């Protein structure tokens, strides 16, 4: 357990608060949810940066970081289904890809590698697109933002599927 790993774990601490505020969807609570989500998502960059800079990249960190990322993305998406903000089948596509790749990454028999693989460029792009989409969909924006927010959501679904295919093809 090093500093980057503790930062990864600390992202989990924001999730109960995010869920509480998102389940009471007043405009001010939704903004609080957005802030919690964006701060938690920002720590994803911070823990990776520190792990590389401090030479503290560990197998535990490579396992926990994507797991926590998935919880940070899928939890709010499930809440957004409940609020009627996103279609369930779009979230199902994201969930399916995330579970398939998570299982693939940690199984050395499938990857042919002894250690857990890190995310590639497409995986990082997918994560950023998901974070932007979720933040837009959680925010209590005027109705003129509904279509642009859904476009960003569907773009993130496409990038999620593309990144999954690119991960599995080699």
Protein backbone atom coordinates (compact mmCIF):
# COMPACT_ATOMS: atom_id res chain seq x y z
CA UNK A 1 0.00 0.00 0.00
CA UNK A 2 1.58 3.20 -1.19
CA UNK A 3 0.33 6.76 -1.73
CA UNK A 4 -1.02 6.18 -5.26
CA UNK A 5 -2.92 3.10 -4.09
CA UNK A 6 -4.42 5.01 -1.15
CA UNK A 7 -5.54 7.74 -3.56
CA UNK A 8 -7.19 5.07 -5.71
CA UNK A 9 -9.03 3.72 -2.66
CA UNK A 10 -10.04 7.24 -1.60
CA UNK A 11 -12.06 7.54 -4.84
CA UNK A 12 -14.41 4.94 -3.41
CA UNK A 13 -15.13 7.15 -0.41
CA UNK A 14 -16.86 9.72 -2.60
CA UNK A 15 -19.28 7.24 -4.14
CA UNK A 16 -21.77 6.98 -1.23
CA UNK A 17 -22.01 10.77 -1.11
CA UNK A 18 -22.42 10.98 -4.85
CA UNK A 19 -25.23 8.40 -4.73
CA UNK A 20 -26.95 10.18 -1.85
CA UNK A 21 -27.00 13.53 -3.63
CA UNK A 22 -27.92 12.03 -7.00
CA UNK A 23 -30.81 10.11 -5.45
CA UNK A 24 -32.20 13.41 -4.13
CA UNK A 25 -32.05 15.18 -7.49
CA UNK A 26 -32.62 18.81 -6.59
CA UNK A 27 -30.55 21.17 -8.76
CA UNK A 28 -28.14 21.98 -5.93
CA UNK A 29 -27.69 18.31 -5.02
CA UNK A 30 -27.07 17.42 -8.65
CA UNK A 31 -24.32 20.07 -8.81
CA UNK A 32 -22.80 18.61 -5.65
CA UNK A 33 -22.89 15.19 -7.35
CA UNK A 34 -21.10 16.62 -10.38
CA UNK A 35 -18.39 18.16 -8.19
CA UNK A 36 -17.85 14.93 -6.24
CA UNK A 37 -17.73 12.95 -9.48
CA UNK A 38 -15.28 15.28 -11.24
CA UNK A 39 -12.98 15.44 -8.20
CA UNK A 40 -13.03 11.64 -7.86
CA UNK A 41 -12.37 11.25 -11.59
CA UNK A 42 -9.48 13.73 -11.32
CA UNK A 43 -7.81 11.59 -8.70
CA UNK A 44 -7.63 8.84 -11.33
CA UNK A 45 -5.11 10.96 -13.22
CA UNK A 46 -3.33 11.91 -9.97
CA UNK A 47 -2.76 8.38 -8.71
CA UNK A 48 -1.39 7.25 -12.07
CA UNK A 49 0.89 10.28 -12.32
CA UNK A 50 2.25 9.75 -8.80
CA UNK A 51 2.71 6.01 -9.31
CA UNK A 52 4.89 6.67 -12.37
CA UNK A 53 6.71 9.71 -10.95
CA UNK A 54 7.49 8.02 -7.61
CA UNK A 55 8.23 4.69 -9.31
CA UNK A 56 5.45 3.07 -7.26
CA UNK A 57 3.57 1.20 -9.99
CA UNK A 58 2.38 -2.05 -8.41
CA UNK A 59 0.33 -5.04 -9.52
CA UNK A 60 -2.20 -4.12 -6.81
CA UNK A 61 -2.48 -0.60 -8.21
CA UNK A 62 -2.85 -1.89 -11.77
CA UNK A 63 -5.67 -4.14 -10.52
CA UNK A 64 -7.48 -1.65 -8.24
CA UNK A 65 -7.30 1.44 -10.45
CA UNK A 66 -9.45 0.10 -13.32
CA UNK A 67 -11.80 -1.60 -10.86
CA UNK A 68 -12.42 1.66 -9.01
CA UNK A 69 -12.76 3.46 -12.36
CA UNK A 70 -15.50 1.03 -13.35
CA UNK A 71 -17.36 1.58 -10.08
CA UNK A 72 -17.00 5.34 -10.49
CA UNK A 73 -18.47 5.18 -14.01
CA UNK A 74 -21.08 2.43 -13.68
CA UNK A 75 -22.55 3.57 -10.35
CA UNK A 76 -23.59 7.01 -11.59
CA UNK A 77 -24.76 5.53 -14.92
CA UNK A 78 -27.10 3.19 -13.04
CA UNK A 79 -28.43 6.17 -11.08
CA UNK A 80 -28.90 8.08 -14.35
CA UNK A 81 -31.01 5.18 -15.69
CA UNK A 82 -33.19 5.49 -12.58
CA UNK A 83 -33.54 9.23 -13.19
CA UNK A 84 -34.52 8.62 -16.82
CA UNK A 85 -31.47 10.45 -18.17
CA UNK A 86 -29.93 7.58 -20.19
CA UNK A 87 -31.34 4.52 -21.94
CA UNK A 88 -30.62 1.26 -20.12
CA UNK A 89 -29.35 -0.53 -23.23
CA UNK A 90 -26.58 2.07 -23.71
CA UNK A 91 -25.44 1.47 -20.14
CA UNK A 92 -25.71 -2.28 -20.73
CA UNK A 93 -23.27 -1.98 -23.65
CA UNK A 94 -20.80 -0.09 -21.45
CA UNK A 95 -21.24 -2.55 -18.58
CA UNK A 96 -20.75 -5.55 -20.89
CA UNK A 97 -17.52 -4.17 -22.34
CA UNK A 98 -16.17 -3.19 -18.92
CA UNK A 99 -16.81 -6.62 -17.39
CA UNK A 100 -15.46 -8.49 -20.40
CA UNK A 101 -12.23 -6.47 -20.58
CA UNK A 102 -11.75 -6.52 -16.79
CA UNK A 103 -11.90 -10.31 -16.83
CA UNK A 104 -9.65 -10.48 -19.88
CA UNK A 105 -7.01 -8.16 -18.40
CA UNK A 106 -6.53 -10.10 -15.17
CA UNK A 107 -6.42 -13.56 -16.75
CA UNK A 108 -2.86 -14.36 -17.89
CA UNK A 109 -4.12 -17.38 -19.87
CA UNK A 110 -6.10 -15.03 -22.13
CA UNK A 111 -3.57 -12.21 -22.45
CA UNK A 112 -0.42 -14.32 -22.64
CA UNK A 113 1.26 -12.01 -20.11
CA UNK A 114 2.31 -12.73 -16.54
CA UNK A 115 1.30 -9.31 -15.21
CA UNK A 116 -1.86 -7.23 -15.42
CA UNK A 117 -1.95 -5.08 -18.53
CA UNK A 118 -2.39 -1.33 -18.17
CA UNK A 119 -4.89 0.66 -20.19
CA UNK A 120 -4.02 1.62 -23.74
CA UNK A 121 -4.62 4.98 -25.41
CA UNK A 122 -8.11 3.96 -26.54
CA UNK A 123 -9.02 2.89 -23.02
CA UNK A 124 -7.95 6.25 -21.66
CA UNK A 125 -9.94 8.09 -24.36
CA UNK A 126 -12.95 5.92 -23.51
CA UNK A 127 -12.67 6.81 -19.81
CA UNK A 128 -12.39 10.56 -20.50
CA UNK A 129 -15.43 10.45 -22.80
CA UNK A 130 -17.43 8.58 -20.15
CA UNK A 131 -16.47 11.09 -17.47
CA UNK A 132 -17.52 14.04 -19.64
CA UNK A 133 -20.80 12.36 -20.60
CA UNK A 134 -21.68 11.45 -17.01
CA UNK A 135 -20.84 14.93 -15.71
CA UNK A 136 -23.04 16.52 -18.40
CA UNK A 137 -25.90 14.14 -17.70
CA UNK A 138 -25.72 14.64 -13.92
CA UNK A 139 -25.60 18.42 -14.15
CA UNK A 140 -28.96 20.22 -13.93
CA UNK A 141 -28.44 21.99 -17.25
CA UNK A 142 -31.16 23.73 -19.29
CA UNK A 143 -33.12 21.51 -21.68
CA UNK A 144 -31.09 22.84 -24.61
CA UNK A 145 -28.25 20.66 -23.28
CA UNK A 146 -30.24 17.41 -23.43
CA UNK A 147 -29.37 16.52 -27.04
CA UNK A 148 -25.65 17.50 -26.79
CA UNK A 149 -25.35 15.53 -23.53
CA UNK A 150 -26.90 12.45 -25.12
CA UNK A 151 -24.64 12.81 -28.17
CA UNK A 152 -21.62 12.80 -25.85
CA UNK A 153 -23.09 9.76 -24.05
CA UNK A 154 -23.50 7.82 -27.31
CA UNK A 155 -20.02 8.88 -28.42
CA UNK A 156 -18.69 7.43 -25.16
CA UNK A 157 -20.63 4.20 -25.82
CA UNK A 158 -19.04 3.97 -29.29
CA UNK A 159 -15.56 4.65 -27.91
CA UNK A 160 -16.19 2.07 -25.19
CA UNK A 161 -17.02 -0.59 -27.77
CA UNK A 162 -14.18 0.41 -30.13
CA UNK A 163 -11.65 0.31 -27.29
CA UNK A 164 -12.92 -3.13 -26.29
CA UNK A 165 -12.51 -4.50 -29.82
CA UNK A 166 -9.04 -2.96 -30.13
CA UNK A 167 -8.09 -4.54 -26.80
CA UNK A 168 -9.27 -8.02 -27.81
CA UNK A 169 -8.13 -8.19 -31.46
CA UNK A 170 -4.36 -8.61 -30.94
